[in-house]
Amino acid sequence: MFKELNPILHSQLRLSIISFLVGNGKSDFNELKKMSNATSGNLSVQLKKLEKVNYVSIKKVF
């Protein structure tokens, strides 16, 4: 009936990031951090995992 959920989205944080981006399009690191209540380190790790499987594209600016 339903397709199995991609294992990369089993993480609650990764799923919330993707859900937020689907609804809002682009976002920045601080906005995602505020929305998710994640630590900077954890958010960074999860975003790298999503980037590795081409779910997100990360652009670093200073």
PDB file of N, CA and C in Angstrom:
ATOM      1  N   MET A   1       0.823  -1.185   0.000  1.00  0.00           N
ATOM      2  CA  MET A   1       0.000   0.000   0.000  1.00  0.00           C
ATOM      3  C   MET A   1       0.874   1.259   0.000  1.00  0.00           C
ATOM      4  N   PHE A   2       1.716   1.427   1.000  1.00  0.00           N
ATOM      5  CA  PHE A   2       2.617   2.570   1.053  1.00  0.00           C
ATOM      6  C   PHE A   2       4.023   2.123   0.714  1.00  0.00           C
ATOM      7  N   LYS A   3       4.764   2.985   0.059  1.00  0.00           N
ATOM      8  CA  LYS A   3       6.177   2.707  -0.164  1.00  0.00           C
ATOM      9  C   LYS A   3       6.895   2.852   1.168  1.00  0.00           C
ATOM     10  N   GLU A   4       7.964   2.097   1.345  1.00  0.00           N
ATOM     11  CA  GLU A   4       8.747   2.227   2.560  1.00  0.00           C
ATOM     12  C   GLU A   4       9.435   3.578   2.587  1.00  0.00           C
ATOM     13  N   LEU A   5       9.524   4.147   3.772  1.00  0.00           N
ATOM     14  CA  LEU A   5      10.199   5.418   3.950  1.00  0.00           C
ATOM     15  C   LEU A   5      11.691   5.229   3.751  1.00  0.00           C
ATOM     16  N   ASN A   6      12.288   6.130   3.008  1.00  0.00           N
ATOM     17  CA  ASN A   6      13.725   6.083   2.781  1.00  0.00           C
ATOM     18  C   ASN A   6      14.430   6.103   4.133  1.00  0.00           C
ATOM     19  N   PRO A   7      15.374   5.210   4.372  1.00  0.00           N
ATOM     20  CA  PRO A   7      16.074   5.158   5.666  1.00  0.00           C
ATOM     21  C   PRO A   7      16.735   6.474   6.069  1.00  0.00           C
ATOM     22  N   ILE A   8      17.128   7.283   5.098  1.00  0.00           N
ATOM     23  CA  ILE A   8      17.750   8.565   5.438  1.00  0.00           C
ATOM     24  C   ILE A   8      16.762   9.471   6.166  1.00  0.00           C
ATOM     25  N   LEU A   9      15.474   9.264   5.985  1.00  0.00           N
ATOM     26  CA  LEU A   9      14.467  10.108   6.619  1.00  0.00           C
ATOM     27  C   LEU A   9      13.927   9.526   7.921  1.00  0.00           C
ATOM     28  N   HIS A  10      14.483   8.424   8.384  1.00  0.00           N
ATOM     29  CA  HIS A  10      14.032   7.846   9.653  1.00  0.00           C
ATOM     30  C   HIS A  10      14.380   8.736  10.830  1.00  0.00           C
ATOM     31  N   SER A  11      15.420   9.535  10.699  1.00  0.00           N
ATOM     32  CA  SER A  11      15.789  10.461  11.758  1.00  0.00           C
ATOM     33  C   SER A  11      14.739  11.568  11.851  1.00  0.00           C
ATOM     34  N   GLN A  12      14.272  11.824  13.043  1.00  0.00           N
ATOM     35  CA  GLN A  12      13.260  12.858  13.238  1.00  0.00           C
ATOM     36  C   GLN A  12      13.781  14.222  12.794  1.00  0.00           C
ATOM     37  N   LEU A  13      15.026  14.510  13.088  1.00  0.00           N
ATOM     38  CA  LEU A  13      15.600  15.804  12.714  1.00  0.00           C
ATOM     39  C   LEU A  13      15.721  15.936  11.196  1.00  0.00           C
ATOM     40  N   ARG A  14      16.205  14.905  10.530  1.00  0.00           N
ATOM     41  CA  ARG A  14      16.322  14.981   9.069  1.00  0.00           C
ATOM     42  C   ARG A  14      14.948  15.102   8.419  1.00  0.00           C
ATOM     43  N   LEU A  15      13.978  14.383   8.932  1.00  0.00           N
ATOM     44  CA  LEU A  15      12.622  14.481   8.392  1.00  0.00           C
ATOM     45  C   LEU A  15      12.052  15.879   8.611  1.00  0.00           C
ATOM     46  N   SER A  16      12.297  16.473   9.776  1.00  0.00           N
ATOM     47  CA  SER A  16      11.780  17.817  10.037  1.00  0.00           C
ATOM     48  C   SER A  16      12.478  18.852   9.146  1.00  0.00           C
ATOM     49  N   ILE A  17      13.763  18.672   8.878  1.00  0.00           N
ATOM     50  CA  ILE A  17      14.478  19.582   7.986  1.00  0.00           C
ATOM     51  C   ILE A  17      13.865  19.530   6.589  1.00  0.00           C
ATOM     52  N   ILE A  18      13.692  18.326   6.069  1.00  0.00           N
ATOM     53  CA  ILE A  18      13.131  18.166   4.723  1.00  0.00           C
ATOM     54  C   ILE A  18      11.702  18.714   4.674  1.00  0.00           C
ATOM     55  N   SER A  19      10.900  18.421   5.673  1.00  0.00           N
ATOM     56  CA  SER A  19       9.519  18.927   5.710  1.00  0.00           C
ATOM     57  C   SER A  19       9.499  20.448   5.721  1.00  0.00           C
ATOM     58  N   PHE A  20      10.366  21.044   6.513  1.00  0.00           N
ATOM     59  CA  PHE A  20      10.445  22.505   6.583  1.00  0.00           C
ATOM     60  C   PHE A  20      10.849  23.084   5.234  1.00  0.00           C
ATOM     61  N   LEU A  21      11.842  22.481   4.595  1.00  0.00           N
ATOM     62  CA  LEU A  21      12.309  22.989   3.309  1.00  0.00           C
ATOM     63  C   LEU A  21      11.282  22.808   2.205  1.00  0.00           C
ATOM     64  N   VAL A  22      10.528  21.729   2.249  1.00  0.00           N
ATOM     65  CA  VAL A  22       9.472  21.525   1.248  1.00  0.00           C
ATOM     66  C   VAL A  22       8.437  22.639   1.356  1.00  0.00           C
ATOM     67  N   GLY A  23       8.116  23.024   2.573  1.00  0.00           N
ATOM     68  CA  GLY A  23       7.121  24.069   2.782  1.00  0.00           C
ATOM     69  C   GLY A  23       7.636  25.475   2.579  1.00  0.00           C
ATOM     70  N   ASN A  24       8.941  25.684   2.763  1.00  0.00           N
ATOM     71  CA  ASN A  24       9.490  27.039   2.732  1.00  0.00           C
ATOM     72  C   ASN A  24      10.511  27.303   1.637  1.00  0.00           C
ATOM     73  N   GLY A  25      10.900  26.291   0.923  1.00  0.00           N
ATOM     74  CA  GLY A  25      11.912  26.477  -0.104  1.00  0.00           C
ATOM     75  C   GLY A  25      13.291  26.576   0.511  1.00  0.00           C
ATOM     76  N   LYS A  26      13.904  27.729   0.400  1.00  0.00           N
ATOM     77  CA  LYS A  26      15.247  27.935   0.927  1.00  0.00           C
ATOM     78  C   LYS A  26      15.190  28.287   2.408  1.00  0.00           C
ATOM     79  N   SER A  27      16.313  28.085   3.057  1.00  0.00           N
ATOM     80  CA  SER A  27      16.448  28.463   4.456  1.00  0.00           C
ATOM     81  C   SER A  27      17.916  28.656   4.754  1.00  0.00           C
ATOM     82  N   ASP A  28      18.204  29.278   5.871  1.00  0.00           N
ATOM     83  CA  ASP A  28      19.596  29.375   6.291  1.00  0.00           C
ATOM     84  C   ASP A  28      19.794  28.549   7.557  1.00  0.00           C
ATOM     85  N   PHE A  29      21.048  28.381   7.917  1.00  0.00           N
ATOM     86  CA  PHE A  29      21.401  27.516   9.039  1.00  0.00           C
ATOM     87  C   PHE A  29      20.718  27.959  10.330  1.00  0.00           C
ATOM     88  N   ASN A  30      20.742  29.255  10.603  1.00  0.00           N
ATOM     89  CA  ASN A  30      20.153  29.750  11.855  1.00  0.00           C
ATOM     90  C   ASN A  30      18.645  29.543  11.919  1.00  0.00           C
ATOM     91  N   GLU A  31      17.981  29.692  10.785  1.00  0.00           N
ATOM     92  CA  GLU A  31      16.533  29.458  10.741  1.00  0.00           C
ATOM     93  C   GLU A  31      16.221  27.979  10.998  1.00  0.00           C
ATOM     94  N   LEU A  32      16.994  27.088  10.384  1.00  0.00           N
ATOM     95  CA  LEU A  32      16.795  25.657  10.612  1.00  0.00           C
ATOM     96  C   LEU A  32      17.101  25.289  12.063  1.00  0.00           C
ATOM     97  N   LYS A  33      18.130  25.896  12.614  1.00  0.00           N
ATOM     98  CA  LYS A  33      18.490  25.631  14.006  1.00  0.00           C
ATOM     99  C   LYS A  33      17.377  26.069  14.942  1.00  0.00           C
ATOM    100  N   LYS A  34      16.817  27.246  14.701  1.00  0.00           N
ATOM    101  CA  LYS A  34      15.727  27.757  15.537  1.00  0.00           C
ATOM    102  C   LYS A  34      14.477  26.881  15.405  1.00  0.00           C
ATOM    103  N   MET A  35      14.153  26.508  14.182  1.00  0.00           N
ATOM    104  CA  MET A  35      12.957  25.698  13.929  1.00  0.00           C
ATOM    105  C   MET A  35      13.057  24.330  14.590  1.00  0.00           C
ATOM    106  N   SER A  36      14.250  23.752  14.569  1.00  0.00           N
ATOM    107  CA  SER A  36      14.407  22.372  15.024  1.00  0.00           C
ATOM    108  C   SER A  36      14.848  22.235  16.482  1.00  0.00           C
ATOM    109  N   ASN A  37      15.300  23.330  17.074  1.00  0.00           N
ATOM    110  CA  ASN A  37      15.865  23.291  18.431  1.00  0.00           C
ATOM    111  C   ASN A  37      17.060  22.346  18.526  1.00  0.00           C
ATOM    112  N   ALA A  38      17.743  22.146  17.417  1.00  0.00           N
ATOM    113  CA  ALA A  38      18.917  21.276  17.381  1.00  0.00           C
ATOM    114  C   ALA A  38      20.166  22.076  17.735  1.00  0.00           C
ATOM    115  N   THR A  39      21.176  21.377  18.193  1.00  0.00           N
ATOM    116  CA  THR A  39      22.459  22.033  18.418  1.00  0.00           C
ATOM    117  C   THR A  39      23.116  22.285  17.065  1.00  0.00           C
ATOM    118  N   SER A  40      24.044  23.212  17.028  1.00  0.00           N
ATOM    119  CA  SER A  40      24.749  23.518  15.778  1.00  0.00           C
ATOM    120  C   SER A  40      25.454  22.283  15.230  1.00  0.00           C
ATOM    121  N   GLY A  41      26.116  21.550  16.112  1.00  0.00           N
ATOM    122  CA  GLY A  41      26.843  20.358  15.681  1.00  0.00           C
ATOM    123  C   GLY A  41      25.945  19.291  15.106  1.00  0.00           C
ATOM    124  N   ASN A  42      24.839  19.004  15.788  1.00  0.00           N
ATOM    125  CA  ASN A  42      23.916  17.975  15.313  1.00  0.00           C
ATOM    126  C   ASN A  42      23.271  18.390  13.993  1.00  0.00           C
ATOM    127  N   LEU A  43      22.867  19.644  13.896  1.00  0.00           N
ATOM    128  CA  LEU A  43      22.249  20.115  12.659  1.00  0.00           C
ATOM    129  C   LEU A  43      23.235  20.024  11.504  1.00  0.00           C
ATOM    130  N   SER A  44      24.467  20.401  11.745  1.00  0.00           N
ATOM    131  CA  SER A  44      25.501  20.337  10.716  1.00  0.00           C
ATOM    132  C   SER A  44      25.697  18.907  10.212  1.00  0.00           C
ATOM    133  N   VAL A  45      25.772  17.957  11.138  1.00  0.00           N
ATOM    134  CA  VAL A  45      25.955  16.552  10.772  1.00  0.00           C
ATOM    135  C   VAL A  45      24.773  16.054   9.944  1.00  0.00           C
ATOM    136  N   GLN A  46      23.567  16.386  10.369  1.00  0.00           N
ATOM    137  CA  GLN A  46      22.374  15.913   9.661  1.00  0.00           C
ATOM    138  C   GLN A  46      22.266  16.540   8.275  1.00  0.00           C
ATOM    139  N   LEU A  47      22.625  17.811   8.151  1.00  0.00           N
ATOM    140  CA  LEU A  47      22.606  18.451   6.839  1.00  0.00           C
ATOM    141  C   LEU A  47      23.634  17.823   5.901  1.00  0.00           C
ATOM    142  N   LYS A  48      24.794  17.470   6.420  1.00  0.00           N
ATOM    143  CA  LYS A  48      25.804  16.803   5.597  1.00  0.00           C
ATOM    144  C   LYS A  48      25.306  15.461   5.100  1.00  0.00           C
ATOM    145  N   LYS A  49      24.587  14.730   5.959  1.00  0.00           N
ATOM    146  CA  LYS A  49      24.018  13.440   5.541  1.00  0.00           C
ATOM    147  C   LYS A  49      22.994  13.637   4.437  1.00  0.00           C
ATOM    148  N   LEU A  50      22.163  14.672   4.559  1.00  0.00           N
ATOM    149  CA  LEU A  50      21.159  14.956   3.529  1.00  0.00           C
ATOM    150  C   LEU A  50      21.817  15.425   2.237  1.00  0.00           C
ATOM    151  N   GLU A  51      22.901  16.161   2.352  1.00  0.00           N
ATOM    152  CA  GLU A  51      23.618  16.618   1.163  1.00  0.00           C
ATOM    153  C   GLU A  51      24.275  15.445   0.446  1.00  0.00           C
ATOM    154  N   LYS A  52      24.795  14.507   1.212  1.00  0.00           N
ATOM    155  CA  LYS A  52      25.482  13.335   0.637  1.00  0.00           C
ATOM    156  C   LYS A  52      24.562  12.534  -0.280  1.00  0.00           C
ATOM    157  N   VAL A  53      23.268  12.474   0.048  1.00  0.00           N
ATOM    158  CA  VAL A  53      22.312  11.724  -0.773  1.00  0.00           C
ATOM    159  C   VAL A  53      21.506  12.643  -1.699  1.00  0.00           C
ATOM    160  N   ASN A  54      21.996  13.881  -1.850  1.00  0.00           N
ATOM    161  CA  ASN A  54      21.410  14.868  -2.762  1.00  0.00           C
ATOM    162  C   ASN A  54      19.983  15.278  -2.414  1.00  0.00           C
ATOM    163  N   TYR A  55      19.650  15.284  -1.131  1.00  0.00           N
ATOM    164  CA  TYR A  55      18.347  15.783  -0.706  1.00  0.00           C
ATOM    165  C   TYR A  55      18.375  17.292  -0.512  1.00  0.00           C
ATOM    166  N   VAL A  56      19.540  17.826  -0.176  1.00  0.00           N
ATOM    167  CA  VAL A  56      19.708  19.271  -0.023  1.00  0.00           C
ATOM    168  C   VAL A  56      21.002  19.691  -0.694  1.00  0.00           C
ATOM    169  N   SER A  57      21.072  20.956  -0.996  1.00  0.00           N
ATOM    170  CA  SER A  57      22.300  21.544  -1.511  1.00  0.00           C
ATOM    171  C   SER A  57      22.725  22.613  -0.518  1.00  0.00           C
ATOM    172  N   ILE A  58      23.958  22.546  -0.080  1.00  0.00           N
ATOM    173  CA  ILE A  58      24.443  23.472   0.925  1.00  0.00           C
ATOM    174  C   ILE A  58      25.380  24.481   0.283  1.00  0.00           C
ATOM    175  N   LYS A  59      25.072  25.734   0.538  1.00  0.00           N
ATOM    176  CA  LYS A  59      25.906  26.816   0.042  1.00  0.00           C
ATOM    177  C   LYS A  59      26.454  27.551   1.257  1.00  0.00           C
ATOM    178  N   LYS A  60      27.762  27.572   1.391  1.00  0.00           N
ATOM    179  CA  LYS A  60      28.401  28.217   2.540  1.00  0.00           C
ATOM    180  C   LYS A  60      28.817  29.624   2.157  1.00  0.00           C
ATOM    181  N   VAL A  61      28.375  30.602   2.951  1.00  0.00           N
ATOM    182  CA  VAL A  61      28.761  31.988   2.733  1.00  0.00           C
ATOM    183  C   VAL A  61      29.183  32.601   4.057  1.00  0.00           C
ATOM    184  N   PHE A  62      30.069  33.572   3.956  1.00  0.00           N
ATOM    185  CA  PHE A  62      30.544  34.254   5.160  1.00  0.00           C
ATOM    186  C   PHE A  62      30.362  35.738   5.013  1.00  0.00           C
TER     187      PHE A  62
END
